[in-house]
Amino acid sequence: MKKITILGTGQMGLVLADALVARGVEDVVIWGAFAESVSNLEQTRASPRLPGFVLPAGVSVTGDGPKALAGCDAVVNAIPAQFIRSVWHRFGEHLADDVPVICVSKGIEVETLEAPMQVLAEVNGRGRAEQGFCVLSGPTIAAELARRQPATMLAASTDAALARQVQDLFDVPWLRVYTSDDPTGVELAGAVKNVIALAAGMVDGLELGNNAKSALLARGLAEIVRLGMAMGARQDTFFGVAGVGDLATTCFSPEGRNRRCGEAIGRGATLDEALATITSVVEGVETTRAIVRLAERYHVELPIVQAVHAILFKSLSPRTAIKQLMQRTQKPERIG
């Protein structure tokens, strides 16, 4: 592949651009939606959200979507989940039908309850998300990738050849990429883990300790598995790098946006106050709305997700929510 376009100048878009240049891709283009941010990035080659990171000289930065997509061999979608549809409605027609799309967005579109690959397939008129799409996910805190610290990812597609191609594309010394044929499970894991991370942050804000936080992760994983299996995903997907691996990183890393947002709420901030302290999109907030509706659709019980929803949108206090969870009826442990 000679030209690869990345849509989105967020942290993940920048660190993946760095990896592509290191891999030897001749022409890497990164597109941004906001003129001022694009101009600053083009001039400084730096991001205030990634201290010490310098965008390689081999990456060009533009705000011109059609120009960015023209003649590219692959596109990396790094746009937050709630904005994918609007961006691709503007530019999708400029992408050739046979160009593969690699998606690193994590979330569920609130209006449609669709995962990013489903949205991309609809907007691009390809009918089915299996055709020409690959999910790239895993425990990847962008600040660590910017420092080229070791990490793992999962390239998931029902097209095995495309998954292997993406695996090879990001084969750099600090990334180990596995393949999977379960994009549904990988996307759902990446979405719901952000909701659990909000809860983990609340546990941190309340200073409830590691026992409580580890229990939250274990039971949060059970909820992810439960919903995933109801939606047709494979159970083993949730016990791999894109499942429990990503969940653990998001819940424990001090740099995780969702965990930080939850921590602020645990310390007494309102949702609006917590969001005001974080410069990036906190995907877990809107995803919480979507996951609650998916649970209703598939008749799945998700008590932790329901508690987070009540805290964010129904004024339930975190302490009261935890008390209610601890007082639920005793039962055998069940995963899925």
Protein backbone atom coordinates (compact mmCIF):
# COMPACT_ATOMS: atom_id res chain seq x y z
CA MET A 1 0.00 0.00 0.00
CA LYS A 2 1.49 3.31 -1.10
CA LYS A 3 -1.08 5.79 0.24
CA ILE A 4 -3.06 5.41 3.45
CA THR A 5 -5.46 8.04 4.72
CA ILE A 6 -6.38 8.44 8.38
CA LEU A 7 -9.63 10.26 9.15
CA GLY A 8 -9.34 11.90 12.55
CA THR A 9 -6.54 13.86 14.21
CA GLY A 10 -7.19 12.48 17.67
CA GLN A 11 -4.52 10.67 19.64
CA MET A 12 -5.09 7.27 18.05
CA GLY A 13 -4.97 8.71 14.54
CA LEU A 14 -1.63 10.36 15.28
CA VAL A 15 0.08 7.33 16.80
CA LEU A 16 -1.13 5.06 14.00
CA ALA A 17 0.25 7.53 11.46
CA ASP A 18 3.60 7.22 13.23
CA ALA A 19 3.41 3.42 12.98
CA LEU A 20 2.58 3.52 9.27
CA VAL A 21 5.56 5.74 8.51
CA ALA A 22 7.81 3.41 10.51
CA ARG A 23 6.40 0.49 8.51
CA GLY A 24 7.53 2.19 5.31
CA VAL A 25 4.25 3.47 3.84
CA GLU A 26 5.26 6.11 1.30
CA ASP A 27 2.30 8.50 1.61
CA VAL A 28 0.41 8.86 4.91
CA VAL A 29 -2.31 11.52 5.01
CA ILE A 30 -4.22 12.53 8.13
CA TRP A 31 -7.45 14.51 7.83
CA GLY A 32 -8.97 16.68 10.54
CA ALA A 33 -12.41 18.25 10.85
CA PHE A 34 -11.40 21.49 12.55
CA ALA A 35 -9.39 24.05 10.59
CA GLU A 36 -7.56 25.52 13.58
CA SER A 37 -6.48 22.10 14.87
CA VAL A 38 -5.36 21.05 11.39
CA SER A 39 -3.32 24.23 10.98
CA ASN A 40 -1.68 23.86 14.40
CA LEU A 41 -0.83 20.22 13.78
CA GLU A 42 0.57 20.99 10.35
CA GLN A 43 2.80 23.74 11.71
CA THR A 44 3.91 22.31 15.06
CA ARG A 45 3.74 18.55 14.25
CA ALA A 46 2.69 18.10 17.89
CA SER A 47 -0.43 17.55 19.98
CA PRO A 48 -1.01 18.98 23.47
CA ARG A 49 -2.62 15.67 24.39
CA LEU A 50 0.55 13.69 23.56
CA PRO A 51 3.46 15.41 25.34
CA GLY A 52 6.78 14.83 23.59
CA PHE A 53 5.23 13.27 20.48
CA VAL A 54 6.31 14.61 17.10
CA LEU A 55 4.35 13.70 13.98
CA PRO A 56 6.81 12.29 11.43
CA ALA A 57 7.72 14.41 8.44
CA GLY A 58 6.32 11.71 6.17
CA VAL A 59 2.75 12.48 7.28
CA SER A 60 0.81 15.21 5.50
CA VAL A 61 -2.04 16.97 7.30
CA THR A 62 -5.13 18.34 5.56
CA GLY A 63 -8.66 19.55 6.13
CA ASP A 64 -9.66 18.63 2.56
CA GLY A 65 -11.55 15.34 2.76
CA PRO A 66 -11.86 14.58 -0.96
CA LYS A 67 -8.16 15.30 -1.47
CA ALA A 68 -7.24 13.06 1.45
CA LEU A 69 -9.26 10.13 0.08
CA ALA A 70 -8.25 10.52 -3.56
CA GLY A 71 -6.12 7.60 -4.74
CA CYS A 72 -5.68 6.03 -1.33
CA ASP A 73 -5.11 2.29 -0.93
CA ALA A 74 -6.77 2.06 2.50
CA VAL A 75 -8.54 4.31 5.00
CA VAL A 76 -8.22 4.25 8.78
CA ASN A 77 -11.38 5.55 10.44
CA ALA A 78 -10.38 7.20 13.73
CA ILE A 79 -13.46 9.40 14.10
CA PRO A 80 -15.43 9.17 17.38
CA ALA A 81 -18.39 6.83 17.03
CA GLN A 82 -21.13 9.45 17.27
CA PHE A 83 -19.67 11.49 14.41
CA ILE A 84 -18.77 8.77 11.89
CA ARG A 85 -22.01 9.00 9.93
CA SER A 86 -21.92 12.78 9.46
CA VAL A 87 -18.27 12.83 8.33
CA TRP A 88 -18.66 9.93 5.90
CA HIS A 89 -21.86 11.39 4.46
CA ARG A 90 -19.71 14.34 3.40
CA PHE A 91 -16.78 12.43 1.95
CA GLY A 92 -17.74 8.79 1.45
CA GLU A 93 -18.53 9.20 -2.24
CA HIS A 94 -14.89 10.06 -2.88
CA LEU A 95 -13.74 6.61 -1.77
CA ALA A 96 -13.50 3.84 -4.36
CA ASP A 97 -15.69 0.80 -3.60
CA ASP A 98 -12.75 -1.60 -3.41
CA VAL A 99 -10.68 0.41 -0.91
CA PRO A 100 -10.62 -1.33 2.50
CA VAL A 101 -11.62 0.59 5.62
CA ILE A 102 -9.84 -0.08 8.91
CA CYS A 103 -11.84 1.10 11.91
CA VAL A 104 -10.34 1.98 15.30
CA SER A 105 -13.40 3.83 16.68
CA LYS A 106 -14.94 2.40 19.85
CA GLY A 107 -18.58 2.97 20.65
CA ILE A 108 -22.18 2.43 19.56
CA GLU A 109 -24.16 5.03 17.61
CA VAL A 110 -26.94 6.13 19.95
CA GLU A 111 -29.61 6.83 17.34
CA THR A 112 -29.34 3.49 15.52
CA LEU A 113 -27.60 1.23 18.07
CA GLU A 114 -25.15 0.31 15.31
CA ALA A 115 -21.45 -0.39 15.75
CA PRO A 116 -18.96 1.67 13.71
CA MET A 117 -18.51 -0.97 11.00
CA GLN A 118 -22.26 -1.13 10.43
CA VAL A 119 -22.43 2.65 10.11
CA LEU A 120 -19.51 2.69 7.68
CA ALA A 121 -21.05 -0.06 5.56
CA GLU A 122 -24.35 1.81 5.32
CA VAL A 123 -22.85 5.17 4.45
CA ASN A 124 -20.52 3.67 1.86
CA GLY A 125 -23.35 1.73 0.24
CA ARG A 126 -21.63 -1.63 0.59
CA GLY A 127 -24.64 -3.25 2.17
CA ARG A 128 -22.86 -5.55 4.60
CA ALA A 129 -20.15 -4.69 7.10
CA GLU A 130 -18.28 -7.88 6.23
CA GLN A 131 -17.26 -6.57 2.83
CA GLY A 132 -13.98 -4.65 2.91
CA PHE A 133 -13.96 -3.66 6.58
CA CYS A 134 -11.58 -4.55 9.40
CA VAL A 135 -11.74 -3.62 13.08
CA LEU A 136 -8.41 -2.80 14.72
CA SER A 137 -8.67 -2.80 18.50
CA GLY A 138 -6.88 -3.69 21.70
CA PRO A 139 -5.37 -2.31 24.91
CA THR A 140 -3.75 0.74 23.34
CA ILE A 141 -3.40 3.85 25.47
CA ALA A 142 -2.28 6.37 22.86
CA ALA A 143 0.30 8.08 25.08
CA GLU A 144 2.14 4.78 25.46
CA LEU A 145 2.03 4.10 21.72
CA ALA A 146 3.42 7.59 21.19
CA ARG A 147 6.41 6.53 23.29
CA ARG A 148 6.58 3.31 21.26
CA GLN A 149 6.05 1.12 24.29
CA PRO A 150 5.06 -2.51 23.56
CA ALA A 151 1.37 -3.18 22.91
CA THR A 152 -0.91 -5.72 21.26
CA MET A 153 -3.86 -5.26 18.92
CA LEU A 154 -6.39 -7.41 17.11
CA ALA A 155 -7.30 -7.11 13.42
CA ALA A 156 -10.81 -8.54 13.11
CA SER A 157 -12.62 -9.17 9.86
CA THR A 158 -14.71 -11.88 8.26
CA ASP A 159 -12.36 -11.43 5.31
CA ALA A 160 -9.32 -13.41 6.50
CA ALA A 161 -7.08 -11.99 3.78
CA LEU A 162 -7.90 -8.43 4.80
CA ALA A 163 -7.26 -9.21 8.48
CA ARG A 164 -3.81 -10.58 7.57
CA GLN A 165 -3.13 -7.53 5.39
CA VAL A 166 -3.93 -5.18 8.29
CA GLN A 167 -1.82 -7.34 10.59
CA ASP A 168 1.12 -6.90 8.26
CA LEU A 169 0.46 -3.20 7.76
CA PHE A 170 0.97 -2.44 11.45
CA ASP A 171 3.83 -4.86 11.98
CA VAL A 172 6.26 -2.52 13.75
CA PRO A 173 8.62 -3.39 16.63
CA TRP A 174 6.34 -2.03 19.34
CA LEU A 175 3.07 -3.56 18.06
CA ARG A 176 2.11 -7.23 17.95
CA VAL A 177 -1.10 -7.68 15.95
CA TYR A 178 -3.24 -10.82 16.08
CA THR A 179 -6.11 -11.66 13.72
CA SER A 180 -9.72 -12.63 14.39
CA ASP A 181 -12.86 -13.40 12.40
CA ASP A 182 -15.22 -11.99 15.05
CA PRO A 183 -15.53 -8.24 14.37
CA THR A 184 -18.91 -8.13 16.13
CA GLY A 185 -17.39 -9.29 19.41
CA VAL A 186 -14.35 -7.05 19.06
CA GLU A 187 -16.43 -3.93 18.42
CA LEU A 188 -18.84 -4.69 21.27
CA ALA A 189 -15.96 -5.32 23.69
CA GLY A 190 -14.38 -2.01 22.71
CA ALA A 191 -17.63 -0.17 23.28
CA VAL A 192 -18.83 -1.64 26.57
CA LYS A 193 -15.42 -1.56 28.24
CA ASN A 194 -15.66 2.23 28.21
CA VAL A 195 -18.85 2.05 30.27
CA ILE A 196 -17.18 -0.25 32.78
CA ALA A 197 -14.20 2.12 32.85
CA LEU A 198 -16.51 4.95 33.92
CA ALA A 199 -17.58 2.76 36.85
CA ALA A 200 -13.95 1.89 37.65
CA GLY A 201 -13.13 5.59 37.80
CA MET A 202 -16.01 6.14 40.21
CA VAL A 203 -14.57 3.41 42.44
CA ASP A 204 -11.23 5.28 42.34
CA GLY A 205 -12.90 8.60 43.11
CA LEU A 206 -14.65 7.09 46.10
CA GLU A 207 -11.36 5.48 47.22
CA LEU A 208 -12.98 2.07 47.65
CA GLY A 209 -9.79 0.09 47.01
CA ASN A 210 -8.46 -2.55 44.66
CA ASN A 211 -10.74 -5.34 45.89
CA ALA A 212 -13.79 -3.40 44.78
CA LYS A 213 -12.21 -2.38 41.50
CA SER A 214 -11.10 -5.89 40.58
CA ALA A 215 -14.55 -7.23 41.41
CA LEU A 216 -16.03 -4.56 39.18
CA LEU A 217 -13.79 -5.61 36.28
CA ALA A 218 -14.66 -9.28 36.71
CA ARG A 219 -18.39 -8.71 36.85
CA GLY A 220 -18.19 -6.03 34.16
CA LEU A 221 -16.54 -8.58 31.88
CA ALA A 222 -19.40 -10.98 32.63
CA GLU A 223 -21.86 -8.34 31.42
CA ILE A 224 -19.86 -7.76 28.24
CA VAL A 225 -19.83 -11.49 27.53
CA ARG A 226 -23.54 -11.81 28.27
CA LEU A 227 -24.53 -9.11 25.82
CA GLY A 228 -21.99 -10.19 23.22
CA MET A 229 -23.22 -13.77 23.11
CA ALA A 230 -26.81 -12.57 22.81
CA MET A 231 -25.72 -10.56 19.77
CA GLY A 232 -23.96 -13.48 18.10
CA ALA A 233 -20.35 -12.89 19.13
CA ARG A 234 -18.02 -15.65 20.32
CA GLN A 235 -17.30 -15.99 24.02
CA ASP A 236 -13.55 -16.50 23.57
CA THR A 237 -13.22 -13.07 21.90
CA PHE A 238 -13.93 -11.40 25.23
CA PHE A 239 -11.07 -13.20 26.97
CA GLY A 240 -8.44 -11.99 24.52
CA VAL A 241 -6.49 -8.77 24.02
CA ALA A 242 -9.47 -6.85 22.60
CA GLY A 243 -11.71 -8.02 25.44
CA VAL A 244 -10.30 -8.41 28.94
CA GLY A 245 -6.98 -6.89 27.82
CA ASP A 246 -8.54 -3.64 26.66
CA LEU A 247 -10.91 -3.60 29.63
CA ALA A 248 -8.07 -3.85 32.16
CA THR A 249 -6.00 -1.13 30.49
CA THR A 250 -8.91 1.29 30.25
CA CYS A 251 -9.94 0.75 33.85
CA PHE A 252 -6.48 1.00 35.42
CA SER A 253 -4.55 3.49 33.30
CA PRO A 254 -4.43 7.01 34.79
CA GLU A 255 -4.50 8.32 31.20
CA GLY A 256 -7.80 6.64 30.27
CA ARG A 257 -10.41 9.30 29.51
CA ASN A 258 -13.40 7.26 30.65
CA ARG A 259 -11.75 6.25 33.91
CA ARG A 260 -10.75 9.88 34.57
CA CYS A 261 -14.29 11.06 33.91
CA GLY A 262 -15.67 8.46 36.30
CA GLU A 263 -13.12 9.40 38.94
CA ALA A 264 -14.21 13.04 38.82
CA ILE A 265 -17.83 11.97 39.27
CA GLY A 266 -16.82 9.71 42.16
CA ARG A 267 -15.21 12.71 43.81
CA GLY A 268 -18.44 14.68 43.57
CA ALA A 269 -18.40 16.37 40.16
CA THR A 270 -21.46 16.45 37.94
CA LEU A 271 -21.23 14.83 34.52
CA ASP A 272 -20.91 18.22 32.84
CA GLU A 273 -18.18 19.29 35.26
CA ALA A 274 -16.27 16.06 34.71
CA LEU A 275 -16.48 16.32 30.91
CA ALA A 276 -15.27 19.93 31.05
CA THR A 277 -11.93 18.78 32.49
CA ILE A 278 -11.22 16.37 29.60
CA THR A 279 -10.25 17.72 26.18
CA SER A 280 -11.01 14.52 24.23
CA VAL A 281 -14.33 12.80 23.55
CA VAL A 282 -15.36 10.51 26.43
CA GLU A 283 -16.98 7.77 24.34
CA GLY A 284 -18.37 5.84 27.29
CA VAL A 285 -20.94 8.50 28.16
CA GLU A 286 -23.04 8.27 25.00
CA THR A 287 -22.24 4.58 24.66
CA THR A 288 -23.90 4.00 28.04
CA ARG A 289 -27.20 5.21 26.57
CA ALA A 290 -26.82 2.85 23.62
CA ILE A 291 -25.83 -0.21 25.66
CA VAL A 292 -28.83 0.15 27.97
CA ARG A 293 -31.09 0.13 24.93
CA LEU A 294 -29.27 -2.86 23.42
CA ALA A 295 -29.72 -4.74 26.70
CA GLU A 296 -33.45 -4.07 26.50
CA ARG A 297 -33.57 -5.20 22.87
CA TYR A 298 -31.79 -8.49 23.61
CA HIS A 299 -33.38 -9.02 27.06
CA VAL A 300 -30.03 -9.11 28.82
CA GLU A 301 -29.45 -8.11 32.45
CA LEU A 302 -26.56 -5.64 32.87
CA PRO A 303 -26.70 -4.30 36.45
CA ILE A 304 -23.37 -2.44 36.34
CA VAL A 305 -24.18 -0.73 33.05
CA GLN A 306 -27.65 0.14 34.37
CA ALA A 307 -26.07 1.64 37.50
CA VAL A 308 -23.67 3.78 35.44
CA HIS A 309 -26.61 4.98 33.35
CA ALA A 310 -28.55 5.97 36.47
CA ILE A 311 -25.54 7.86 37.86
CA LEU A 312 -24.90 9.74 34.61
CA PHE A 313 -28.45 10.57 33.62
CA LYS A 314 -30.79 10.03 36.59
CA SER A 315 -28.91 11.72 39.45
CA LEU A 316 -28.21 8.51 41.37
CA SER A 317 -25.20 8.95 43.63
CA PRO A 318 -22.25 6.58 43.06
CA ARG A 319 -22.29 5.47 46.69
CA THR A 320 -25.97 4.59 46.52
CA ALA A 321 -25.42 2.72 43.25
CA ILE A 322 -22.64 0.61 44.79
CA LYS A 323 -24.76 -0.12 47.84
CA GLN A 324 -27.57 -1.33 45.59
CA LEU A 325 -25.21 -3.54 43.59
CA MET A 326 -23.78 -5.09 46.76
CA GLN A 327 -27.27 -5.85 48.07
CA ARG A 328 -28.46 -7.72 44.99
CA THR A 329 -29.73 -11.26 45.54
CA GLN A 330 -26.98 -13.82 46.22
CA LYS A 331 -26.44 -16.27 43.35
CA PRO A 332 -23.83 -18.56 41.76
CA GLU A 333 -21.19 -16.84 39.65
CA ARG A 334 -22.00 -16.96 35.95
CA ILE A 335 -20.00 -15.74 32.95
CA GLY A 336 -22.10 -15.10 29.86
